[in-house]
C-alpha atoms as a PDB file:
ATOM      1  CA  MET A   1       3.611  72.945  28.965  1.00  0.00           C
ATOM      2  CA  ILE A   2       5.005  70.121  26.821  1.00  0.00           C
ATOM      3  CA  THR A   3       8.138  71.062  24.874  1.00  0.00           C
ATOM      4  CA  THR A   4       9.540  69.523  21.714  1.00  0.00           C
ATOM      5  CA  MET A   5      12.600  70.399  19.632  1.00  0.00           C
ATOM      6  CA  TRP A   6      12.518  71.498  15.991  1.00  0.00           C
ATOM      7  CA  ASN A   7      15.709  72.215  14.090  1.00  0.00           C
ATOM      8  CA  PRO A   8      14.785  73.032  10.466  1.00  0.00           C
ATOM      9  CA  TRP A   9      18.461  73.681   9.755  1.00  0.00           C
ATOM     10  CA  HIS A  10      21.705  72.833  11.504  1.00  0.00           C
ATOM     11  CA  GLY A  11      25.064  74.544  11.805  1.00  0.00           C
ATOM     12  CA  CYS A  12      26.181  78.007  12.791  1.00  0.00           C
ATOM     13  CA  HIS A  13      29.116  80.432  12.909  1.00  0.00           C
ATOM     14  CA  LYS A  14      30.677  81.589  16.151  1.00  0.00           C
ATOM     15  CA  CYS A  15      29.938  85.290  16.532  1.00  0.00           C
ATOM     16  CA  SER A  16      30.637  86.314  20.137  1.00  0.00           C
ATOM     17  CA  PRO A  17      32.468  85.266  23.341  1.00  0.00           C
ATOM     18  CA  GLY A  18      29.586  83.015  24.381  1.00  0.00           C
ATOM     19  CA  CYS A  19      30.201  80.858  21.311  1.00  0.00           C
ATOM     20  CA  LEU A  20      33.747  79.875  22.302  1.00  0.00           C
ATOM     21  CA  ASN A  21      32.802  76.450  23.661  1.00  0.00           C
ATOM     22  CA  CYS A  22      29.551  76.010  21.749  1.00  0.00           C
ATOM     23  CA  TYR A  23      27.792  72.752  22.664  1.00  0.00           C
ATOM     24  CA  VAL A  24      26.762  72.191  19.023  1.00  0.00           C
ATOM     25  CA  TYR A  25      30.391  72.271  17.916  1.00  0.00           C
ATOM     26  CA  PHE A  26      31.376  69.990  20.783  1.00  0.00           C
ATOM     27  CA  LEU A  27      28.709  67.377  20.001  1.00  0.00           C
ATOM     28  CA  ASP A  28      29.252  67.538  16.230  1.00  0.00           C
ATOM     29  CA  SER A  29      32.998  67.005  16.711  1.00  0.00           C
ATOM     30  CA  LYS A  30      32.265  63.537  18.064  1.00  0.00           C
ATOM     31  CA  TYR A  31      30.947  62.612  14.611  1.00  0.00           C
ATOM     32  CA  ASN A  32      33.542  64.553  12.604  1.00  0.00           C
ATOM     33  CA  LYS A  33      30.785  66.935  11.521  1.00  0.00           C
ATOM     34  CA  ASP A  34      31.633  70.517  10.552  1.00  0.00           C
ATOM     35  CA  SER A  35      29.265  72.743  12.562  1.00  0.00           C
ATOM     36  CA  ASN A  36      30.324  75.750  10.514  1.00  0.00           C
ATOM     37  CA  ILE A  37      28.393  74.412   7.508  1.00  0.00           C
ATOM     38  CA  VAL A  38      24.698  75.320   7.614  1.00  0.00           C
ATOM     39  CA  THR A  39      22.453  72.623   6.134  1.00  0.00           C
ATOM     40  CA  LYS A  40      18.706  72.127   5.775  1.00  0.00           C
ATOM     41  CA  SER A  41      17.423  69.313   7.989  1.00  0.00           C
ATOM     42  CA  LYS A  42      15.805  66.921   5.531  1.00  0.00           C
ATOM     43  CA  SER A  43      14.228  64.627   8.109  1.00  0.00           C
ATOM     44  CA  SER A  44      12.743  67.287  10.393  1.00  0.00           C
ATOM     45  CA  PHE A  45      12.164  70.371   8.238  1.00  0.00           C
ATOM     46  CA  TYR A  46       8.400  69.758   8.108  1.00  0.00           C
ATOM     47  CA  LEU A  47       8.130  68.297  11.614  1.00  0.00           C
ATOM     48  CA  PRO A  48       5.253  70.557  12.849  1.00  0.00           C
ATOM     49  CA  LEU A  49       3.127  69.484   9.862  1.00  0.00           C
ATOM     50  CA  LYS A  50       3.676  65.734  10.179  1.00  0.00           C
ATOM     51  CA  ARG A  51       0.612  63.628  10.985  1.00  0.00           C
ATOM     52  CA  ASP A  52       0.050  60.183  12.426  1.00  0.00           C
ATOM     53  CA  LYS A  53      -1.931  57.356  10.814  1.00  0.00           C
ATOM     54  CA  GLN A  54      -5.165  58.797  12.173  1.00  0.00           C
ATOM     55  CA  GLY A  55      -4.481  62.129  10.493  1.00  0.00           C
ATOM     56  CA  ASN A  56      -3.691  63.993  13.711  1.00  0.00           C
ATOM     57  CA  PHE A  57      -0.677  66.242  14.030  1.00  0.00           C
ATOM     58  CA  LYS A  58       2.193  64.413  15.713  1.00  0.00           C
ATOM     59  CA  ILE A  59       2.929  67.565  17.693  1.00  0.00           C
ATOM     60  CA  PRO A  60      -0.281  68.276  19.628  1.00  0.00           C
ATOM     61  CA  SER A  61      -1.801  71.701  20.207  1.00  0.00           C
ATOM     62  CA  ASN A  62      -0.418  73.849  23.030  1.00  0.00           C
ATOM     63  CA  THR A  63       3.079  72.389  22.691  1.00  0.00           C
ATOM     64  CA  GLU A  64       6.065  74.699  23.012  1.00  0.00           C
ATOM     65  CA  VAL A  65       8.365  74.157  20.035  1.00  0.00           C
ATOM     66  CA  ALA A  66      11.996  75.007  20.800  1.00  0.00           C
ATOM     67  CA  THR A  67      13.090  76.149  17.349  1.00  0.00           C
ATOM     68  CA  CYS A  68      16.594  76.286  15.845  1.00  0.00           C
ATOM     69  CA  PHE A  69      18.565  75.377  18.960  1.00  0.00           C
ATOM     70  CA  THR A  70      21.378  73.895  16.823  1.00  0.00           C
ATOM     71  CA  SER A  71      21.699  76.955  14.607  1.00  0.00           C
ATOM     72  CA  ASP A  72      20.408  80.530  14.554  1.00  0.00           C
ATOM     73  CA  PHE A  73      17.017  81.239  13.027  1.00  0.00           C
ATOM     74  CA  PHE A  74      18.290  84.474  11.489  1.00  0.00           C
ATOM     75  CA  ILE A  75      21.583  83.180  10.095  1.00  0.00           C
ATOM     76  CA  GLU A  76      22.342  84.341   6.556  1.00  0.00           C
ATOM     77  CA  GLU A  77      22.541  80.886   4.951  1.00  0.00           C
ATOM     78  CA  ALA A  78      18.920  80.131   5.858  1.00  0.00           C
ATOM     79  CA  GLU A  79      17.438  82.828   3.616  1.00  0.00           C
ATOM     80  CA  GLU A  80      16.150  80.326   1.045  1.00  0.00           C
ATOM     81  CA  TRP A  81      14.375  78.200   3.685  1.00  0.00           C
ATOM     82  CA  ARG A  82      13.157  80.761   6.203  1.00  0.00           C
ATOM     83  CA  GLN A  83      10.005  81.886   4.381  1.00  0.00           C
ATOM     84  CA  GLU A  84       8.741  78.315   4.213  1.00  0.00           C
ATOM     85  CA  VAL A  85       9.357  77.947   7.930  1.00  0.00           C
ATOM     86  CA  TRP A  86       7.355  81.122   8.574  1.00  0.00           C
ATOM     87  CA  ASP A  87       4.555  79.511   6.541  1.00  0.00           C
ATOM     88  CA  ILE A  88       4.691  76.437   8.771  1.00  0.00           C
ATOM     89  CA  ILE A  89       4.610  78.614  11.897  1.00  0.00           C
ATOM     90  CA  ARG A  90       1.591  80.451  10.486  1.00  0.00           C
ATOM     91  CA  GLN A  91      -0.230  77.184   9.759  1.00  0.00           C
ATOM     92  CA  ARG A  92       0.435  75.824  13.266  1.00  0.00           C
ATOM     93  CA  ASN A  93      -0.825  78.820  15.181  1.00  0.00           C
ATOM     94  CA  ASP A  94      -1.935  76.387  17.903  1.00  0.00           C
ATOM     95  CA  LEU A  95       1.720  75.857  18.858  1.00  0.00           C
ATOM     96  CA  ARG A  96       4.077  78.277  20.606  1.00  0.00           C
ATOM     97  CA  PHE A  97       7.429  78.623  18.841  1.00  0.00           C
ATOM     98  CA  LEU A  98      10.380  79.645  21.017  1.00  0.00           C
ATOM     99  CA  ILE A  99      13.178  81.074  18.853  1.00  0.00           C
ATOM    100  CA  PRO A 100      16.528  81.987  20.463  1.00  0.00           C
ATOM    101  CA  THR A 101      18.995  84.202  18.598  1.00  0.00           C
ATOM    102  CA  LYS A 102      22.272  86.061  18.880  1.00  0.00           C
ATOM    103  CA  ARG A 103      21.477  87.804  15.578  1.00  0.00           C
ATOM    104  CA  ILE A 104      18.616  90.048  16.600  1.00  0.00           C
ATOM    105  CA  HIS A 105      20.129  92.795  14.406  1.00  0.00           C
ATOM    106  CA  ARG A 106      18.925  90.777  11.380  1.00  0.00           C
ATOM    107  CA  PHE A 107      15.346  90.428  12.602  1.00  0.00           C
ATOM    108  CA  SER A 108      13.728  93.190  10.538  1.00  0.00           C
ATOM    109  CA  SER A 109      15.177  91.876   7.291  1.00  0.00           C
ATOM    110  CA  CYS A 110      14.068  88.288   7.984  1.00  0.00           C
ATOM    111  CA  ILE A 111      10.401  88.575   8.968  1.00  0.00           C
ATOM    112  CA  PRO A 112       7.433  87.931   6.638  1.00  0.00           C
ATOM    113  CA  ASN A 113       5.306  90.745   5.263  1.00  0.00           C
ATOM    114  CA  ASP A 114       2.377  89.941   7.556  1.00  0.00           C
ATOM    115  CA  TRP A 115       4.468  89.855  10.753  1.00  0.00           C
ATOM    116  CA  ALA A 116       2.442  92.553  12.524  1.00  0.00           C
ATOM    117  CA  ASP A 117      -0.856  90.729  12.021  1.00  0.00           C
ATOM    118  CA  ASP A 118      -0.897  87.264  13.557  1.00  0.00           C
ATOM    119  CA  TYR A 119       2.306  85.936  15.081  1.00  0.00           C
ATOM    120  CA  ASP A 120       1.157  85.791  18.672  1.00  0.00           C
ATOM    121  CA  ASN A 121       2.514  82.210  18.755  1.00  0.00           C
ATOM    122  CA  VAL A 122       6.173  83.271  18.420  1.00  0.00           C
ATOM    123  CA  THR A 123       8.537  84.165  21.261  1.00  0.00           C
ATOM    124  CA  ILE A 124      11.933  85.641  20.430  1.00  0.00           C
ATOM    125  CA  ALA A 125      14.593  84.970  23.071  1.00  0.00           C
ATOM    126  CA  VAL A 126      17.758  87.004  22.685  1.00  0.00           C
ATOM    127  CA  SER A 127      20.860  85.236  23.971  1.00  0.00           C
ATOM    128  CA  CYS A 128      23.536  87.282  25.773  1.00  0.00           C
ATOM    129  CA  GLU A 129      26.549  86.172  27.761  1.00  0.00           C
ATOM    130  CA  ASN A 130      27.991  89.360  29.234  1.00  0.00           C
ATOM    131  CA  GLN A 131      27.174  93.033  29.800  1.00  0.00           C
ATOM    132  CA  GLN A 132      28.525  94.201  26.455  1.00  0.00           C
ATOM    133  CA  LYS A 133      26.432  91.774  24.427  1.00  0.00           C
ATOM    134  CA  ALA A 134      23.361  92.444  26.550  1.00  0.00           C
ATOM    135  CA  GLU A 135      23.602  96.155  25.821  1.00  0.00           C
ATOM    136  CA  GLU A 136      24.196  95.574  22.108  1.00  0.00           C
ATOM    137  CA  ARG A 137      21.378  93.091  21.603  1.00  0.00           C
ATOM    138  CA  LEU A 138      18.703  94.005  24.117  1.00  0.00           C
ATOM    139  CA  SER A 139      18.563  97.641  23.045  1.00  0.00           C
ATOM    140  CA  ILE A 140      17.566  96.292  19.624  1.00  0.00           C
ATOM    141  CA  LEU A 141      15.103  93.751  21.051  1.00  0.00           C
ATOM    142  CA  ILE A 142      13.256  96.413  23.043  1.00  0.00           C
ATOM    143  CA  SER A 143      12.784  98.530  19.901  1.00  0.00           C
ATOM    144  CA  LEU A 144      11.242  95.768  17.771  1.00  0.00           C
ATOM    145  CA  PRO A 145       7.561  94.867  17.137  1.00  0.00           C
ATOM    146  CA  ILE A 146       7.662  91.509  18.911  1.00  0.00           C
ATOM    147  CA  LYS A 147       4.777  90.465  21.160  1.00  0.00           C
ATOM    148  CA  HIS A 148       6.698  87.964  23.276  1.00  0.00           C
ATOM    149  CA  LYS A 149      10.285  88.725  24.308  1.00  0.00           C
ATOM    150  CA  GLN A 150      12.633  86.737  26.517  1.00  0.00           C
ATOM    151  CA  VAL A 151      16.278  86.965  27.525  1.00  0.00           C
ATOM    152  CA  PHE A 152      18.614  83.971  27.682  1.00  0.00           C
ATOM    153  CA  LEU A 153      21.776  84.649  29.685  1.00  0.00           C
ATOM    154  CA  SER A 154      23.508  81.550  28.431  1.00  0.00           C
ATOM    155  CA  PRO A 155      26.275  80.812  28.893  1.00  0.00           C
ATOM    156  CA  LEU A 156      26.413  83.322  31.752  1.00  0.00           C
ATOM    157  CA  LEU A 157      30.012  84.577  31.944  1.00  0.00           C
ATOM    158  CA  GLU A 158      29.589  87.449  34.405  1.00  0.00           C
ATOM    159  CA  TYR A 159      26.955  89.380  36.311  1.00  0.00           C
ATOM    160  CA  VAL A 160      24.759  91.214  33.811  1.00  0.00           C
ATOM    161  CA  ASP A 161      22.666  94.217  34.851  1.00  0.00           C
ATOM    162  CA  LEU A 162      19.391  93.898  32.949  1.00  0.00           C
ATOM    163  CA  SER A 163      17.615  96.709  34.804  1.00  0.00           C
ATOM    164  CA  PRO A 164      17.202  99.114  31.834  1.00  0.00           C
ATOM    165  CA  TYR A 165      15.432  96.366  29.877  1.00  0.00           C
ATOM    166  CA  LEU A 166      13.434  94.836  32.720  1.00  0.00           C
ATOM    167  CA  LEU A 167      11.899  98.177  33.636  1.00  0.00           C
ATOM    168  CA  THR A 168      10.322  98.470  30.168  1.00  0.00           C
ATOM    169  CA  GLY A 169       7.857  95.743  31.078  1.00  0.00           C
ATOM    170  CA  GLN A 170       8.511  94.003  27.742  1.00  0.00           C
ATOM    171  CA  ILE A 171      10.613  91.055  28.961  1.00  0.00           C
ATOM    172  CA  GLU A 172       8.443  88.030  29.804  1.00  0.00           C
ATOM    173  CA  LEU A 173      11.196  85.762  31.129  1.00  0.00           C
ATOM    174  CA  VAL A 174      14.897  85.749  31.986  1.00  0.00           C
ATOM    175  CA  SER A 175      16.485  82.300  31.780  1.00  0.00           C
ATOM    176  CA  ILE A 176      20.050  81.613  32.940  1.00  0.00           C
ATOM    177  CA  GLY A 177      22.378  78.748  32.126  1.00  0.00           C
ATOM    178  CA  GLY A 178      26.023  77.949  32.646  1.00  0.00           C
ATOM    179  CA  GLU A 179      28.388  76.564  30.026  1.00  0.00           C
ATOM    180  CA  SER A 180      28.610  72.803  29.489  1.00  0.00           C
ATOM    181  CA  TYR A 181      31.101  70.133  28.498  1.00  0.00           C
ATOM    182  CA  GLU A 182      34.869  70.367  28.059  1.00  0.00           C
ATOM    183  CA  ASN A 183      36.634  73.655  28.859  1.00  0.00           C
ATOM    184  CA  ALA A 184      33.411  75.134  30.265  1.00  0.00           C
ATOM    185  CA  ARG A 185      33.894  78.514  31.892  1.00  0.00           C
ATOM    186  CA  ILE A 186      32.699  79.177  35.428  1.00  0.00           C
ATOM    187  CA  CYS A 187      29.151  80.133  36.275  1.00  0.00           C
ATOM    188  CA  ASN A 188      29.092  81.846  39.675  1.00  0.00           C
ATOM    189  CA  PHE A 189      25.924  81.480  41.736  1.00  0.00           C
ATOM    190  CA  ASP A 190      26.435  84.999  43.119  1.00  0.00           C
ATOM    191  CA  TRP A 191      25.728  86.354  39.613  1.00  0.00           C
ATOM    192  CA  VAL A 192      22.622  84.207  39.361  1.00  0.00           C
ATOM    193  CA  LYS A 193      21.317  85.382  42.739  1.00  0.00           C
ATOM    194  CA  GLN A 194      21.767  89.059  41.886  1.00  0.00           C
ATOM    195  CA  ILE A 195      20.021  88.702  38.535  1.00  0.00           C
ATOM    196  CA  LYS A 196      17.174  86.901  40.306  1.00  0.00           C
ATOM    197  CA  ARG A 197      16.887  89.861  42.708  1.00  0.00           C
ATOM    198  CA  ASP A 198      16.813  92.264  39.753  1.00  0.00           C
ATOM    199  CA  CYS A 199      14.039  90.256  38.120  1.00  0.00           C
ATOM    200  CA  ASP A 200      12.062  90.175  41.362  1.00  0.00           C
ATOM    201  CA  LEU A 201      12.372  93.945  41.661  1.00  0.00           C
ATOM    202  CA  TYR A 202      10.720  94.415  38.265  1.00  0.00           C
ATOM    203  CA  GLN A 203       8.394  91.424  38.655  1.00  0.00           C
ATOM    204  CA  VAL A 204       9.873  89.570  35.692  1.00  0.00           C
ATOM    205  CA  PRO A 205       9.681  85.746  35.766  1.00  0.00           C
ATOM    206  CA  PHE A 206      13.054  84.081  36.277  1.00  0.00           C
ATOM    207  CA  GLN A 207      14.417  80.631  35.453  1.00  0.00           C
ATOM    208  CA  PHE A 208      17.747  78.955  36.204  1.00  0.00           C
ATOM    209  CA  HIS A 209      17.803  76.117  33.693  1.00  0.00           C
ATOM    210  CA  GLN A 210      21.299  74.658  34.137  1.00  0.00           C
ATOM    211  CA  THR A 211      24.324  75.185  36.358  1.00  0.00           C
ATOM    212  CA  GLY A 212      26.959  74.521  33.720  1.00  0.00           C
ATOM    213  CA  SER A 213      29.797  72.045  34.160  1.00  0.00           C
ATOM    214  CA  ASN A 214      31.923  74.397  36.307  1.00  0.00           C
ATOM    215  CA  PHE A 215      29.773  75.942  39.018  1.00  0.00           C
ATOM    216  CA  VAL A 216      30.858  78.118  41.936  1.00  0.00           C
ATOM    217  CA  ARG A 217      28.563  78.438  44.934  1.00  0.00           C
ATOM    218  CA  ASP A 218      29.464  79.994  48.274  1.00  0.00           C
ATOM    219  CA  GLY A 219      33.132  80.000  47.290  1.00  0.00           C
ATOM    220  CA  ARG A 220      33.208  76.292  46.478  1.00  0.00           C
ATOM    221  CA  HIS A 221      33.945  75.026  42.974  1.00  0.00           C
ATOM    222  CA  TYR A 222      31.831  72.132  41.702  1.00  0.00           C
ATOM    223  CA  HIS A 223      32.457  69.997  38.596  1.00  0.00           C
ATOM    224  CA  ILE A 224      28.987  68.864  37.582  1.00  0.00           C
ATOM    225  CA  PRO A 225      28.308  66.145  34.961  1.00  0.00           C
ATOM    226  CA  HIS A 226      26.137  67.471  32.151  1.00  0.00           C
ATOM    227  CA  SER A 227      23.441  64.926  32.996  1.00  0.00           C
ATOM    228  CA  LYS A 228      23.109  66.544  36.449  1.00  0.00           C
ATOM    229  CA  GLU A 229      23.224  70.235  35.470  1.00  0.00           C
ATOM    230  CA  HIS A 230      19.460  70.643  35.113  1.00  0.00           C
ATOM    231  CA  ASP A 231      18.719  68.780  38.362  1.00  0.00           C
ATOM    232  CA  GLN A 232      21.209  70.894  40.290  1.00  0.00           C
ATOM    233  CA  ALA A 233      19.741  74.061  38.802  1.00  0.00           C
ATOM    234  CA  ARG A 234      16.244  72.994  39.889  1.00  0.00           C
ATOM    235  CA  LYS A 235      17.512  72.505  43.434  1.00  0.00           C
ATOM    236  CA  ALA A 236      19.172  75.923  43.309  1.00  0.00           C
ATOM    237  CA  MET A 237      15.891  77.459  42.111  1.00  0.00           C
ATOM    238  CA  LYS A 238      14.140  76.205  45.250  1.00  0.00           C
ATOM    239  CA  TYR A 239      16.761  78.056  47.292  1.00  0.00           C
ATOM    240  CA  LEU A 240      16.406  81.205  45.185  1.00  0.00           C
ATOM    241  CA  ASN A 241      12.629  81.199  45.557  1.00  0.00           C
ATOM    242  CA  ASN A 242      13.030  81.244  49.338  1.00  0.00           C
ATOM    243  CA  LEU A 243      15.426  84.202  49.451  1.00  0.00           C
END
């Protein structure tokens, strides 16, 4: 599936241990931009509705739209814009919108009135970094009326036992990533392997999308350039699939 990015607003507030070395803050700092200020993205707010000269949508049908990866879809400052974004998502029901969040506790107060009727094109991916946050957030996720649910363990800071949530049959994918850039904390491949085994046990699809900049495998510590993190994770996935 083709994937494109859509950030209708930008900026966020650090809210848990996983946010310590947030990549958005790191990249914004290079341009003296304050990531703590949440702003509407003027150039891309209506991106899914934009058309080319022939009148066709610039984002074709069946594209996965990674939504709000430089903010949080459910952040408080986005209240005045969120309903219009839901309208756009409703209009482009031929696209699949992937929405990650650390603020799943705000979900019920942020959805449109017709949520239960026709939002089969939305996947909510709850991001957790350790056992404590997984237990806090995933217990909420499991209780909510969401058709498509995923778990992002990113940045993975320790082994996380997802068994109570995997056994529900509601989780469609678990995706793991290490932390990137300066001061990145270690991602240990032993944690990744055990979580993969847990997913296999409950027949839940698994993805290792990036190693992180500081990666430990078989007791060896690797410093991996960000440009190589995804490639190294793909190689590691081949190994995991043969376990």
